[in-house]
């Protein structure tokens, strides 16, 4: 298992610069008053393809040799990694195959196809996803770019917190969502090098809390098919992301479904930005654990904005 280094992050940042945005950091005095902390929102919902995953996908795609790239790339994804890989592959002019659960949001399926990706559907479970993906890989011979258990992807995601560290002085904490752990691993990789005093918290839905349970148990616990409104956070940790989580994460905090939806609605209302449910989990956990963050300068990574506008969670009834 190759563990990416900070030099890989520097190389990734240079490689992906023509293909991604340096996203803004926004603040809200209302949310500062509500939480008792100074919050700095790193807005990856404004990223290319609408999510931070454009960083890791672009690093993987543009790091391939011409021979590797010729057969295209393939992955399995509930949405954002698949559409981001399709985006990067499209920029390079190579094929992209994405195995997606049939229950994935229509907006994300539309985006994959819009960027030129080919979708193969599977059942909404880890076991089905991996079985169908094995067939696609055998059929195409494409380069597998894992959504998060891939050093190229983690190095790409790490460029987000590198930017955040440049944009905001004196951060005390950074909070990011955790599903498979690609973003949190990248955050660990960057901050352990540039700002080792910053505490790193992962935020997770209580209904898909396998990372939190893994953290307490000291080994990976994987759920096969958890159900949560935060559709981007349903996948389990793998050995590479687990390496970073157990070494650098201060704690994994969880939030209930209604708390996630309330936090999402609050950000839409107060900050006037579109974010998806997975991105609201950090604020939900900060609101639930005010004593942990009170009086501190907290970076909050808003991971994506790919949401189905016809099926917003507070419209479901």
C-alpha atoms as a PDB file:
ATOM      1  CA  UNK A   1       0.000   0.000   0.000  1.00  0.00           C
ATOM      2  CA  UNK A   2       1.547   3.300  -1.112  1.00  0.00           C
ATOM      3  CA  UNK A   3       0.965   6.121   1.387  1.00  0.00           C
ATOM      4  CA  UNK A   4       0.905   9.494  -0.410  1.00  0.00           C
ATOM      5  CA  UNK A   5       3.290  12.189   0.842  1.00  0.00           C
ATOM      6  CA  UNK A   6       3.044  15.967   0.952  1.00  0.00           C
ATOM      7  CA  UNK A   7       5.285  16.114  -2.131  1.00  0.00           C
ATOM      8  CA  UNK A   8       2.502  14.216  -3.931  1.00  0.00           C
ATOM      9  CA  UNK A   9       0.120  16.995  -2.836  1.00  0.00           C
ATOM     10  CA  UNK A  10       2.402  19.705  -4.242  1.00  0.00           C
ATOM     11  CA  UNK A  11       2.703  17.788  -7.527  1.00  0.00           C
ATOM     12  CA  UNK A  12      -1.075  17.242  -7.634  1.00  0.00           C
ATOM     13  CA  UNK A  13      -1.810  20.938  -7.093  1.00  0.00           C
ATOM     14  CA  UNK A  14       0.380  21.866 -10.046  1.00  0.00           C
ATOM     15  CA  UNK A  15      -1.062  19.088 -12.252  1.00  0.00           C
ATOM     16  CA  UNK A  16      -4.721  19.926 -11.641  1.00  0.00           C
ATOM     17  CA  UNK A  17      -4.456  23.750 -11.623  1.00  0.00           C
ATOM     18  CA  UNK A  18      -5.748  24.156 -15.219  1.00  0.00           C
ATOM     19  CA  UNK A  19      -8.734  21.906 -14.514  1.00  0.00           C
ATOM     20  CA  UNK A  20     -10.122  23.000 -11.122  1.00  0.00           C
ATOM     21  CA  UNK A  21     -11.145  26.169  -9.292  1.00  0.00           C
ATOM     22  CA  UNK A  22      -9.449  27.677  -6.259  1.00  0.00           C
ATOM     23  CA  UNK A  23     -12.738  27.833  -4.369  1.00  0.00           C
ATOM     24  CA  UNK A  24     -13.717  30.718  -2.077  1.00  0.00           C
ATOM     25  CA  UNK A  25     -14.030  30.749   1.705  1.00  0.00           C
ATOM     26  CA  UNK A  26     -17.277  32.274   2.995  1.00  0.00           C
ATOM     27  CA  UNK A  27     -18.328  33.334   6.489  1.00  0.00           C
ATOM     28  CA  UNK A  28     -21.641  33.986   8.226  1.00  0.00           C
ATOM     29  CA  UNK A  29     -22.014  36.190  11.305  1.00  0.00           C
ATOM     30  CA  UNK A  30     -25.369  34.498  11.957  1.00  0.00           C
ATOM     31  CA  UNK A  31     -23.781  31.037  12.070  1.00  0.00           C
ATOM     32  CA  UNK A  32     -20.885  32.359  14.174  1.00  0.00           C
ATOM     33  CA  UNK A  33     -23.405  33.663  16.726  1.00  0.00           C
ATOM     34  CA  UNK A  34     -25.388  30.419  16.565  1.00  0.00           C
ATOM     35  CA  UNK A  35     -22.367  28.198  17.228  1.00  0.00           C
ATOM     36  CA  UNK A  36     -20.188  30.461  19.362  1.00  0.00           C
ATOM     37  CA  UNK A  37     -17.275  29.767  17.000  1.00  0.00           C
ATOM     38  CA  UNK A  38     -15.744  31.551  14.004  1.00  0.00           C
ATOM     39  CA  UNK A  39     -16.638  29.385  11.010  1.00  0.00           C
ATOM     40  CA  UNK A  40     -14.860  29.509   7.665  1.00  0.00           C
ATOM     41  CA  UNK A  41     -16.684  27.583   4.931  1.00  0.00           C
ATOM     42  CA  UNK A  42     -14.414  26.253   2.148  1.00  0.00           C
ATOM     43  CA  UNK A  43     -16.941  26.121  -0.689  1.00  0.00           C
ATOM     44  CA  UNK A  44     -16.208  23.094  -2.846  1.00  0.00           C
ATOM     45  CA  UNK A  45     -19.852  23.261  -3.954  1.00  0.00           C
ATOM     46  CA  UNK A  46     -18.466  25.883  -6.369  1.00  0.00           C
ATOM     47  CA  UNK A  47     -15.848  23.442  -7.658  1.00  0.00           C
ATOM     48  CA  UNK A  48     -15.747  22.088 -11.219  1.00  0.00           C
ATOM     49  CA  UNK A  49     -18.351  19.302 -11.500  1.00  0.00           C
ATOM     50  CA  UNK A  50     -19.909  20.703  -8.311  1.00  0.00           C
ATOM     51  CA  UNK A  51     -17.772  18.806  -5.786  1.00  0.00           C
ATOM     52  CA  UNK A  52     -14.295  18.503  -4.258  1.00  0.00           C
ATOM     53  CA  UNK A  53     -13.900  15.162  -6.021  1.00  0.00           C
ATOM     54  CA  UNK A  54     -12.903  16.976  -9.225  1.00  0.00           C
ATOM     55  CA  UNK A  55      -9.521  17.442  -7.517  1.00  0.00           C
ATOM     56  CA  UNK A  56      -8.716  13.773  -6.934  1.00  0.00           C
ATOM     57  CA  UNK A  57     -10.255  12.663 -10.224  1.00  0.00           C
ATOM     58  CA  UNK A  58      -8.263  15.236 -12.218  1.00  0.00           C
ATOM     59  CA  UNK A  59      -5.028  14.254 -10.474  1.00  0.00           C
ATOM     60  CA  UNK A  60      -5.593  10.586 -11.308  1.00  0.00           C
ATOM     61  CA  UNK A  61      -6.651  11.176 -14.938  1.00  0.00           C
ATOM     62  CA  UNK A  62      -3.942  13.660 -15.845  1.00  0.00           C
ATOM     63  CA  UNK A  63      -1.288  11.586 -14.086  1.00  0.00           C
ATOM     64  CA  UNK A  64      -1.853   8.616 -16.437  1.00  0.00           C
ATOM     65  CA  UNK A  65       0.592   7.808 -19.207  1.00  0.00           C
ATOM     66  CA  UNK A  66      -0.804   7.931 -22.755  1.00  0.00           C
ATOM     67  CA  UNK A  67      -0.783   4.118 -22.885  1.00  0.00           C
ATOM     68  CA  UNK A  68      -2.736   3.839 -19.621  1.00  0.00           C
ATOM     69  CA  UNK A  69      -5.187   6.558 -20.677  1.00  0.00           C
ATOM     70  CA  UNK A  70      -5.965   4.934 -24.041  1.00  0.00           C
ATOM     71  CA  UNK A  71      -8.313   2.346 -22.484  1.00  0.00           C
ATOM     72  CA  UNK A  72     -10.051   4.968 -20.400  1.00  0.00           C
ATOM     73  CA  UNK A  73     -10.899   4.975 -16.705  1.00  0.00           C
ATOM     74  CA  UNK A  74     -13.537   3.223 -14.605  1.00  0.00           C
ATOM     75  CA  UNK A  75     -14.918   3.565 -11.105  1.00  0.00           C
ATOM     76  CA  UNK A  76     -17.890   2.866  -8.834  1.00  0.00           C
ATOM     77  CA  UNK A  77     -19.598   5.837  -7.226  1.00  0.00           C
ATOM     78  CA  UNK A  78     -22.894   7.010  -5.736  1.00  0.00           C
ATOM     79  CA  UNK A  79     -22.417  10.221  -7.656  1.00  0.00           C
ATOM     80  CA  UNK A  80     -19.811  12.904  -7.101  1.00  0.00           C
ATOM     81  CA  UNK A  81     -16.678  10.851  -7.800  1.00  0.00           C
ATOM     82  CA  UNK A  82     -18.316   9.312 -10.874  1.00  0.00           C
ATOM     83  CA  UNK A  83     -19.352  12.641 -12.340  1.00  0.00           C
ATOM     84  CA  UNK A  84     -15.976  14.197 -11.416  1.00  0.00           C
ATOM     85  CA  UNK A  85     -14.081  11.356 -13.096  1.00  0.00           C
ATOM     86  CA  UNK A  86     -16.323  11.766 -16.145  1.00  0.00           C
ATOM     87  CA  UNK A  87     -15.491  15.480 -16.130  1.00  0.00           C
ATOM     88  CA  UNK A  88     -11.721  14.854 -15.952  1.00  0.00           C
ATOM     89  CA  UNK A  89     -11.837  12.069 -18.549  1.00  0.00           C
ATOM     90  CA  UNK A  90     -13.798  14.344 -20.849  1.00  0.00           C
ATOM     91  CA  UNK A  91     -11.135  17.045 -20.470  1.00  0.00           C
ATOM     92  CA  UNK A  92      -8.511  14.501 -21.508  1.00  0.00           C
ATOM     93  CA  UNK A  93     -10.681  12.985 -24.252  1.00  0.00           C
ATOM     94  CA  UNK A  94     -10.764   9.414 -22.913  1.00  0.00           C
ATOM     95  CA  UNK A  95     -13.669   7.046 -22.047  1.00  0.00           C
ATOM     96  CA  UNK A  96     -15.100   6.847 -18.525  1.00  0.00           C
ATOM     97  CA  UNK A  97     -17.222   3.969 -17.126  1.00  0.00           C
ATOM     98  CA  UNK A  98     -19.135   4.481 -13.871  1.00  0.00           C
ATOM     99  CA  UNK A  99     -20.965   1.811 -11.849  1.00  0.00           C
ATOM    100  CA  UNK A 100     -23.728   3.595  -9.896  1.00  0.00           C
ATOM    101  CA  UNK A 101     -26.488   2.381  -7.552  1.00  0.00           C
ATOM    102  CA  UNK A 102     -29.866   2.517  -9.279  1.00  0.00           C
ATOM    103  CA  UNK A 103     -31.031   4.674  -6.337  1.00  0.00           C
ATOM    104  CA  UNK A 104     -28.377   7.376  -6.904  1.00  0.00           C
ATOM    105  CA  UNK A 105     -29.821  10.897  -7.294  1.00  0.00           C
ATOM    106  CA  UNK A 106     -31.022  11.589 -10.840  1.00  0.00           C
ATOM    107  CA  UNK A 107     -29.112  14.892 -10.845  1.00  0.00           C
ATOM    108  CA  UNK A 108     -25.850  12.987 -10.379  1.00  0.00           C
ATOM    109  CA  UNK A 109     -26.694  10.422 -13.057  1.00  0.00           C
ATOM    110  CA  UNK A 110     -27.538  13.250 -15.456  1.00  0.00           C
ATOM    111  CA  UNK A 111     -24.219  14.926 -14.687  1.00  0.00           C
ATOM    112  CA  UNK A 112     -22.204  11.745 -15.377  1.00  0.00           C
ATOM    113  CA  UNK A 113     -23.867  11.395 -18.769  1.00  0.00           C
ATOM    114  CA  UNK A 114     -23.564  15.129 -19.406  1.00  0.00           C
ATOM    115  CA  UNK A 115     -19.786  14.897 -19.037  1.00  0.00           C
ATOM    116  CA  UNK A 116     -19.710  11.927 -21.429  1.00  0.00           C
ATOM    117  CA  UNK A 117     -19.512   9.089 -18.903  1.00  0.00           C
ATOM    118  CA  UNK A 118     -21.178   5.698 -19.365  1.00  0.00           C
ATOM    119  CA  UNK A 119     -23.288   4.422 -16.454  1.00  0.00           C
ATOM    120  CA  UNK A 120     -23.752   0.764 -15.496  1.00  0.00           C
ATOM    121  CA  UNK A 121     -26.312   0.423 -12.692  1.00  0.00           C
ATOM    122  CA  UNK A 122     -26.056  -1.872  -9.648  1.00  0.00           C
ATOM    123  CA  UNK A 123     -28.088  -2.523  -6.508  1.00  0.00           C
ATOM    124  CA  UNK A 124     -27.565  -0.075  -3.594  1.00  0.00           C
ATOM    125  CA  UNK A 125     -25.127  -2.212  -1.623  1.00  0.00           C
ATOM    126  CA  UNK A 126     -21.347  -2.437  -1.418  1.00  0.00           C
ATOM    127  CA  UNK A 127     -21.399  -6.115  -2.438  1.00  0.00           C
ATOM    128  CA  UNK A 128     -23.461  -5.472  -5.595  1.00  0.00           C
ATOM    129  CA  UNK A 129     -21.382  -2.435  -6.499  1.00  0.00           C
ATOM    130  CA  UNK A 130     -18.126  -4.392  -6.327  1.00  0.00           C
ATOM    131  CA  UNK A 131     -19.489  -7.420  -8.248  1.00  0.00           C
ATOM    132  CA  UNK A 132     -20.856  -5.329 -11.126  1.00  0.00           C
ATOM    133  CA  UNK A 133     -17.705  -3.241 -11.209  1.00  0.00           C
ATOM    134  CA  UNK A 134     -15.527  -6.356 -11.580  1.00  0.00           C
ATOM    135  CA  UNK A 135     -17.501  -7.220 -14.733  1.00  0.00           C
ATOM    136  CA  UNK A 136     -17.062  -3.707 -16.175  1.00  0.00           C
ATOM    137  CA  UNK A 137     -13.325  -3.754 -15.486  1.00  0.00           C
ATOM    138  CA  UNK A 138     -12.921  -7.161 -17.175  1.00  0.00           C
ATOM    139  CA  UNK A 139     -14.906  -5.950 -20.185  1.00  0.00           C
ATOM    140  CA  UNK A 140     -13.102  -2.627 -20.723  1.00  0.00           C
ATOM    141  CA  UNK A 141      -9.570  -3.085 -19.365  1.00  0.00           C
ATOM    142  CA  UNK A 142      -9.855   0.503 -18.093  1.00  0.00           C
ATOM    143  CA  UNK A 143      -7.698   2.059 -15.364  1.00  0.00           C
ATOM    144  CA  UNK A 144      -9.466   1.733 -12.012  1.00  0.00           C
ATOM    145  CA  UNK A 145      -9.646   5.027 -10.128  1.00  0.00           C
ATOM    146  CA  UNK A 146     -11.084   4.188  -6.713  1.00  0.00           C
ATOM    147  CA  UNK A 147     -13.312   6.908  -5.222  1.00  0.00           C
ATOM    148  CA  UNK A 148     -11.065   7.270  -2.173  1.00  0.00           C
ATOM    149  CA  UNK A 149      -8.768   4.279  -1.506  1.00  0.00           C
ATOM    150  CA  UNK A 150      -6.236   5.556  -4.057  1.00  0.00           C
ATOM    151  CA  UNK A 151      -3.113   7.615  -3.282  1.00  0.00           C
ATOM    152  CA  UNK A 152      -3.601   9.721  -6.429  1.00  0.00           C
ATOM    153  CA  UNK A 153      -7.127  10.624  -5.354  1.00  0.00           C
ATOM    154  CA  UNK A 154      -6.144  11.421  -1.759  1.00  0.00           C
ATOM    155  CA  UNK A 155      -3.268  13.658  -2.933  1.00  0.00           C
ATOM    156  CA  UNK A 156      -5.731  15.515  -5.153  1.00  0.00           C
ATOM    157  CA  UNK A 157      -8.279  15.960  -2.356  1.00  0.00           C
ATOM    158  CA  UNK A 158      -5.491  17.233  -0.103  1.00  0.00           C
ATOM    159  CA  UNK A 159      -5.126  20.328  -2.287  1.00  0.00           C
ATOM    160  CA  UNK A 160      -8.425  21.614  -0.839  1.00  0.00           C
ATOM    161  CA  UNK A 161      -7.100  21.961   2.702  1.00  0.00           C
ATOM    162  CA  UNK A 162      -3.820  23.313   1.344  1.00  0.00           C
ATOM    163  CA  UNK A 163      -5.795  26.184  -0.155  1.00  0.00           C
ATOM    164  CA  UNK A 164      -7.863  26.606   3.024  1.00  0.00           C
ATOM    165  CA  UNK A 165      -4.687  26.840   5.098  1.00  0.00           C
ATOM    166  CA  UNK A 166      -3.442  29.624   2.779  1.00  0.00           C
ATOM    167  CA  UNK A 167      -6.783  31.449   2.792  1.00  0.00           C
ATOM    168  CA  UNK A 168      -7.457  31.526   6.557  1.00  0.00           C
ATOM    169  CA  UNK A 169      -4.798  32.307   9.159  1.00  0.00           C
ATOM    170  CA  UNK A 170      -4.787  30.747  12.581  1.00  0.00           C
ATOM    171  CA  UNK A 171      -7.274  27.906  12.200  1.00  0.00           C
ATOM    172  CA  UNK A 172      -7.803  25.885  15.366  1.00  0.00           C
ATOM    173  CA  UNK A 173      -9.943  23.102  13.896  1.00  0.00           C
ATOM    174  CA  UNK A 174     -11.104  21.736  10.550  1.00  0.00           C
ATOM    175  CA  UNK A 175     -14.302  19.699  10.159  1.00  0.00           C
ATOM    176  CA  UNK A 176     -15.071  17.642   7.050  1.00  0.00           C
ATOM    177  CA  UNK A 177     -17.632  14.939   6.261  1.00  0.00           C
ATOM    178  CA  UNK A 178     -16.533  11.303   6.255  1.00  0.00           C
ATOM    179  CA  UNK A 179     -17.834   8.448   4.128  1.00  0.00           C
ATOM    180  CA  UNK A 180     -15.011   6.486   2.575  1.00  0.00           C
ATOM    181  CA  UNK A 181     -12.545   9.019   3.924  1.00  0.00           C
ATOM    182  CA  UNK A 182     -10.880  10.537   0.841  1.00  0.00           C
ATOM    183  CA  UNK A 183     -11.406  14.162   1.845  1.00  0.00           C
ATOM    184  CA  UNK A 184     -10.601  13.604   5.512  1.00  0.00           C
ATOM    185  CA  UNK A 185      -7.431  11.692   4.531  1.00  0.00           C
ATOM    186  CA  UNK A 186      -6.334  14.517   2.263  1.00  0.00           C
ATOM    187  CA  UNK A 187      -7.035  16.985   5.071  1.00  0.00           C
ATOM    188  CA  UNK A 188      -4.903  14.894   7.434  1.00  0.00           C
ATOM    189  CA  UNK A 189      -2.095  14.660   4.882  1.00  0.00           C
ATOM    190  CA  UNK A 190      -1.948  18.433   4.352  1.00  0.00           C
ATOM    191  CA  UNK A 191      -2.508  19.722   7.870  1.00  0.00           C
ATOM    192  CA  UNK A 192      -0.222  17.232   9.603  1.00  0.00           C
ATOM    193  CA  UNK A 193       2.529  18.777   7.455  1.00  0.00           C
ATOM    194  CA  UNK A 194       1.575  22.478   7.262  1.00  0.00           C
ATOM    195  CA  UNK A 195      -0.340  23.029  10.527  1.00  0.00           C
ATOM    196  CA  UNK A 196       0.120  20.058  12.855  1.00  0.00           C
ATOM    197  CA  UNK A 197      -1.543  21.908  15.754  1.00  0.00           C
ATOM    198  CA  UNK A 198      -4.921  22.034  13.983  1.00  0.00           C
ATOM    199  CA  UNK A 199      -7.450  19.516  15.282  1.00  0.00           C
ATOM    200  CA  UNK A 200      -9.166  17.500  12.542  1.00  0.00           C
ATOM    201  CA  UNK A 201     -12.735  16.317  13.101  1.00  0.00           C
ATOM    202  CA  UNK A 202     -14.736  14.022  10.845  1.00  0.00           C
ATOM    203  CA  UNK A 203     -18.523  14.414  10.656  1.00  0.00           C
ATOM    204  CA  UNK A 204     -20.809  11.481   9.893  1.00  0.00           C
ATOM    205  CA  UNK A 205     -24.536  10.645   9.772  1.00  0.00           C
ATOM    206  CA  UNK A 206     -25.639   8.632  12.810  1.00  0.00           C
ATOM    207  CA  UNK A 207     -27.515   6.279  10.439  1.00  0.00           C
ATOM    208  CA  UNK A 208     -24.263   5.526   8.567  1.00  0.00           C
ATOM    209  CA  UNK A 209     -21.797   5.739  11.450  1.00  0.00           C
ATOM    210  CA  UNK A 210     -19.433   2.887  10.538  1.00  0.00           C
ATOM    211  CA  UNK A 211     -16.417   5.254  10.592  1.00  0.00           C
ATOM    212  CA  UNK A 212     -17.283   6.446  14.108  1.00  0.00           C
ATOM    213  CA  UNK A 213     -17.704   2.845  15.275  1.00  0.00           C
ATOM    214  CA  UNK A 214     -14.441   1.878  13.553  1.00  0.00           C
ATOM    215  CA  UNK A 215     -12.691   4.771  15.306  1.00  0.00           C
ATOM    216  CA  UNK A 216     -13.925   3.595  18.726  1.00  0.00           C
ATOM    217  CA  UNK A 217     -13.155  -0.072  18.010  1.00  0.00           C
ATOM    218  CA  UNK A 218      -9.690   0.488  16.550  1.00  0.00           C
ATOM    219  CA  UNK A 219     -10.390  -1.456  13.349  1.00  0.00           C
ATOM    220  CA  UNK A 220     -12.523  -1.032  10.230  1.00  0.00           C
ATOM    221  CA  UNK A 221     -16.223  -1.870  10.612  1.00  0.00           C
ATOM    222  CA  UNK A 222     -18.050  -1.830   7.266  1.00  0.00           C
ATOM    223  CA  UNK A 223     -21.810  -1.528   6.801  1.00  0.00           C
ATOM    224  CA  UNK A 224     -23.109  -2.964   3.528  1.00  0.00           C
ATOM    225  CA  UNK A 225     -26.080  -0.713   2.758  1.00  0.00           C
ATOM    226  CA  UNK A 226     -26.752   2.080   5.278  1.00  0.00           C
ATOM    227  CA  UNK A 227     -29.673   4.471   4.686  1.00  0.00           C
ATOM    228  CA  UNK A 228     -29.174   8.229   5.128  1.00  0.00           C
ATOM    229  CA  UNK A 229     -30.177  11.480   3.471  1.00  0.00           C
ATOM    230  CA  UNK A 230     -26.434  12.157   3.111  1.00  0.00           C
ATOM    231  CA  UNK A 231     -26.106   9.923   0.039  1.00  0.00           C
ATOM    232  CA  UNK A 232     -22.418  10.729  -0.485  1.00  0.00           C
ATOM    233  CA  UNK A 233     -21.448   9.247   2.904  1.00  0.00           C
ATOM    234  CA  UNK A 234     -22.758   5.679   2.651  1.00  0.00           C
ATOM    235  CA  UNK A 235     -19.479   3.931   1.796  1.00  0.00           C
ATOM    236  CA  UNK A 236     -17.060   2.324   4.283  1.00  0.00           C
ATOM    237  CA  UNK A 237     -13.458   3.181   5.093  1.00  0.00           C
ATOM    238  CA  UNK A 238     -10.693   1.223   3.354  1.00  0.00           C
ATOM    239  CA  UNK A 239      -7.131   0.480   4.469  1.00  0.00           C
ATOM    240  CA  UNK A 240      -5.539   3.618   2.980  1.00  0.00           C
ATOM    241  CA  UNK A 241      -8.059   6.085   4.410  1.00  0.00           C
ATOM    242  CA  UNK A 242      -8.129   4.185   7.713  1.00  0.00           C
ATOM    243  CA  UNK A 243      -4.352   4.814   7.969  1.00  0.00           C
ATOM    244  CA  UNK A 244      -4.956   8.579   8.030  1.00  0.00           C
ATOM    245  CA  UNK A 245      -8.080   8.477  10.193  1.00  0.00           C
ATOM    246  CA  UNK A 246      -6.560   6.483  13.033  1.00  0.00           C
ATOM    247  CA  UNK A 247      -3.326   8.483  12.940  1.00  0.00           C
ATOM    248  CA  UNK A 248      -4.565  12.086  12.677  1.00  0.00           C
ATOM    249  CA  UNK A 249      -8.305  12.497  13.379  1.00  0.00           C
ATOM    250  CA  UNK A 250      -9.142  13.944  16.813  1.00  0.00           C
ATOM    251  CA  UNK A 251     -12.708  12.584  16.864  1.00  0.00           C
ATOM    252  CA  UNK A 252     -15.610  11.500  14.641  1.00  0.00           C
ATOM    253  CA  UNK A 253     -18.846  13.289  15.497  1.00  0.00           C
ATOM    254  CA  UNK A 254     -22.294  12.170  14.325  1.00  0.00           C
ATOM    255  CA  UNK A 255     -25.615  13.855  13.562  1.00  0.00           C
ATOM    256  CA  UNK A 256     -29.178  12.570  13.252  1.00  0.00           C
ATOM    257  CA  UNK A 257     -31.104  12.830   9.968  1.00  0.00           C
ATOM    258  CA  UNK A 258     -33.291  15.761  11.092  1.00  0.00           C
ATOM    259  CA  UNK A 259     -30.220  17.628  12.362  1.00  0.00           C
ATOM    260  CA  UNK A 260     -28.533  17.214   8.964  1.00  0.00           C
ATOM    261  CA  UNK A 261     -31.601  18.475   7.092  1.00  0.00           C
ATOM    262  CA  UNK A 262     -31.999  21.432   9.494  1.00  0.00           C
ATOM    263  CA  UNK A 263     -28.328  22.387   9.049  1.00  0.00           C
ATOM    264  CA  UNK A 264     -28.644  22.146   5.262  1.00  0.00           C
ATOM    265  CA  UNK A 265     -31.747  24.328   5.295  1.00  0.00           C
ATOM    266  CA  UNK A 266     -30.067  26.875   7.573  1.00  0.00           C
ATOM    267  CA  UNK A 267     -27.082  27.227   5.249  1.00  0.00           C
ATOM    268  CA  UNK A 268     -29.322  27.565   2.182  1.00  0.00           C
ATOM    269  CA  UNK A 269     -31.361  30.228   3.982  1.00  0.00           C
ATOM    270  CA  UNK A 270     -28.555  32.213   5.637  1.00  0.00           C
ATOM    271  CA  UNK A 271     -25.630  31.850   3.213  1.00  0.00           C
ATOM    272  CA  UNK A 272     -27.658  31.630  -0.001  1.00  0.00           C
ATOM    273  CA  UNK A 273     -25.592  28.740  -1.328  1.00  0.00           C
ATOM    274  CA  UNK A 274     -26.671  25.391  -2.754  1.00  0.00           C
ATOM    275  CA  UNK A 275     -25.138  22.461  -0.911  1.00  0.00           C
ATOM    276  CA  UNK A 276     -26.037  18.794  -0.740  1.00  0.00           C
ATOM    277  CA  UNK A 277     -27.008  16.941   2.463  1.00  0.00           C
ATOM    278  CA  UNK A 278     -23.555  15.355   2.896  1.00  0.00           C
ATOM    279  CA  UNK A 279     -22.056  18.857   3.067  1.00  0.00           C
ATOM    280  CA  UNK A 280     -24.393  19.868   5.911  1.00  0.00           C
ATOM    281  CA  UNK A 281     -23.193  17.122   8.254  1.00  0.00           C
ATOM    282  CA  UNK A 282     -20.208  19.154   9.568  1.00  0.00           C
ATOM    283  CA  UNK A 283     -22.403  22.110  10.609  1.00  0.00           C
ATOM    284  CA  UNK A 284     -24.928  19.704  12.137  1.00  0.00           C
ATOM    285  CA  UNK A 285     -22.194  18.177  14.310  1.00  0.00           C
ATOM    286  CA  UNK A 286     -20.799  21.610  15.269  1.00  0.00           C
ATOM    287  CA  UNK A 287     -24.263  22.750  16.381  1.00  0.00           C
ATOM    288  CA  UNK A 288     -24.634  19.523  18.371  1.00  0.00           C
ATOM    289  CA  UNK A 289     -21.207  19.877  20.030  1.00  0.00           C
ATOM    290  CA  UNK A 290     -20.927  23.630  20.651  1.00  0.00           C
ATOM    291  CA  UNK A 291     -18.716  23.159  23.699  1.00  0.00           C
ATOM    292  CA  UNK A 292     -16.063  21.445  21.540  1.00  0.00           C
ATOM    293  CA  UNK A 293     -15.766  24.413  19.154  1.00  0.00           C
ATOM    294  CA  UNK A 294     -16.782  27.481  21.193  1.00  0.00           C
ATOM    295  CA  UNK A 295     -14.365  30.393  20.796  1.00  0.00           C
ATOM    296  CA  UNK A 296     -12.300  28.608  18.137  1.00  0.00           C
ATOM    297  CA  UNK A 297     -11.544  29.336  14.481  1.00  0.00           C
ATOM    298  CA  UNK A 298     -13.026  26.418  12.569  1.00  0.00           C
ATOM    299  CA  UNK A 299     -12.609  25.525   8.904  1.00  0.00           C
ATOM    300  CA  UNK A 300     -15.677  23.735   7.512  1.00  0.00           C
ATOM    301  CA  UNK A 301     -15.289  21.923   4.199  1.00  0.00           C
ATOM    302  CA  UNK A 302     -18.463  22.184   2.093  1.00  0.00           C
ATOM    303  CA  UNK A 303     -17.867  19.153  -0.080  1.00  0.00           C
ATOM    304  CA  UNK A 304     -20.420  19.538  -2.865  1.00  0.00           C
ATOM    305  CA  UNK A 305     -23.560  21.077  -4.306  1.00  0.00           C
ATOM    306  CA  UNK A 306     -24.959  18.370  -6.558  1.00  0.00           C
ATOM    307  CA  UNK A 307     -28.496  18.135  -5.256  1.00  0.00           C
ATOM    308  CA  UNK A 308     -31.738  17.151  -6.951  1.00  0.00           C
ATOM    309  CA  UNK A 309     -33.730  20.401  -6.822  1.00  0.00           C
ATOM    310  CA  UNK A 310     -36.986  18.500  -7.371  1.00  0.00           C
ATOM    311  CA  UNK A 311     -36.376  16.263  -4.346  1.00  0.00           C
ATOM    312  CA  UNK A 312     -35.031  18.470  -1.576  1.00  0.00           C
ATOM    313  CA  UNK A 313     -35.056  16.646   1.792  1.00  0.00           C
ATOM    314  CA  UNK A 314     -37.391  19.125   3.485  1.00  0.00           C
ATOM    315  CA  UNK A 315     -39.902  18.651   0.642  1.00  0.00           C
ATOM    316  CA  UNK A 316     -40.223  14.915   1.284  1.00  0.00           C
ATOM    317  CA  UNK A 317     -43.414  14.011   3.057  1.00  0.00           C
END
